[in-house]
Protein backbone atom coordinates (compact mmCIF):
# COMPACT_ATOMS: atom_id res chain seq x y z
CA ASP A 1 118.74 95.49 59.16
CA GLU A 2 119.56 96.96 62.57
CA ASP A 3 116.45 95.46 64.18
CA LYS A 4 117.40 91.89 63.26
CA ILE A 5 119.80 89.61 65.07
CA LEU A 6 121.06 86.09 64.51
CA LEU A 7 120.92 84.01 67.69
CA TYR A 8 123.58 81.43 66.89
CA PHE A 9 124.12 78.10 68.64
CA HIS A 10 127.37 76.40 67.64
CA GLY A 11 127.27 72.76 66.64
CA GLY A 12 128.64 69.91 68.71
CA GLY A 13 125.59 68.16 70.11
CA HIS A 14 125.82 70.02 73.43
CA VAL A 15 129.07 68.18 74.23
CA LEU A 16 131.76 70.11 72.30
CA GLY A 17 132.46 73.35 70.47
CA SER A 18 132.30 76.98 71.47
CA PRO A 19 131.36 80.40 70.09
CA MET A 20 135.05 80.92 69.28
CA SER A 21 135.21 77.73 67.21
CA SER A 22 132.37 79.10 65.07
CA ARG A 23 133.53 82.72 65.03
CA PRO A 24 134.86 82.76 61.44
CA TYR A 25 131.45 81.59 60.21
CA THR A 26 129.35 83.85 62.38
CA VAL A 27 131.37 86.93 61.43
CA GLU A 28 130.88 86.18 57.74
CA ILE A 29 127.18 85.40 58.17
CA GLY A 30 126.64 88.63 60.06
CA LYS A 31 128.43 90.66 57.38
CA ALA A 32 126.67 88.94 54.48
CA ALA A 33 123.21 89.25 56.04
CA CYS A 34 123.86 92.71 57.56
CA VAL A 35 122.70 91.55 60.99
CA LYS A 36 124.14 91.46 64.48
CA VAL A 37 125.10 88.05 65.83
CA LEU A 38 124.81 86.70 69.37
CA SER A 39 126.74 83.43 69.60
CA VAL A 40 125.78 81.61 72.78
CA ASP A 41 128.33 79.99 75.08
CA TYR A 42 125.95 77.36 76.43
CA ALA A 43 126.81 74.74 79.06
CA LEU A 44 128.29 71.52 77.68
CA ALA A 45 127.80 67.93 78.83
CA PRO A 46 128.99 65.89 80.63
CA GLU A 47 130.10 68.62 83.06
CA HIS A 48 126.66 70.22 82.77
CA PRO A 49 123.99 67.52 82.30
CA PHE A 50 120.77 67.94 80.35
CA PRO A 51 118.85 70.24 80.38
CA GLU A 52 121.45 72.89 81.33
CA GLY A 53 122.66 73.49 77.75
CA PRO A 54 119.21 73.85 76.18
CA ASN A 55 118.13 76.00 79.13
CA ASP A 56 121.05 78.35 78.43
CA CYS A 57 119.90 78.59 74.82
CA PHE A 58 116.33 79.43 75.81
CA THR A 59 117.57 81.94 78.37
CA SER A 60 119.56 83.73 75.66
CA TYR A 61 116.40 84.01 73.54
CA LYS A 62 114.45 85.44 76.48
CA TRP A 63 117.31 87.88 77.13
CA LEU A 64 117.07 89.20 73.56
CA LEU A 65 113.34 89.73 74.05
CA ALA A 66 114.07 91.62 77.27
CA GLN A 67 116.52 93.80 75.33
CA GLY A 68 113.67 94.87 73.06
CA TYR A 69 114.14 92.57 70.08
CA LYS A 70 110.87 91.40 68.57
CA SER A 71 110.52 87.65 68.11
CA GLU A 72 110.02 88.09 64.36
CA ASN A 73 113.44 89.79 64.15
CA ILE A 74 115.35 87.03 65.94
CA ILE A 75 116.88 84.58 63.49
CA VAL A 76 117.86 81.29 65.14
CA GLY A 77 120.70 79.30 63.65
């Protein structure tokens, strides 16, 4: 569905990982679900202390809303 998008936050407890480390999974998920994927490169601790990482995640959600995506069409994973 062209109106839907997966807003993906890689694992790692806000201290490790990256969108690239999760890319094989997000590509397959996007293909299987027929949705676009935005994988967020959020700030990691300890270089960026709390709440910078979660704030980046929330900012990415607000950005999608500003791009015209409806909240009911944003899948968070």
